């Protein structure tokens, strides 16, 4: 694992949380979606896409080896 700072570790935590949210949305649509209207199902599916895409971006930010911008004296 590359050297990461605290904010990158927080980013990875939220990325994993967003991936779990995306899986939960997909599971809801597949298991309970028949009882609800198409509008609600499509809204939850859009939420799943948002969670997955945001999780991918946050995971990439958290795993990137960012340089230090501190000035050496």
Foldseek 3Di string as FASTA:
>chain_A
DADFDPVLVVLLVLLVVLQVLLVVLVCCCVPPVVVDDPVVNVVSNVSSVVSNVSSVVSNCSSPDRDDDPDDDD
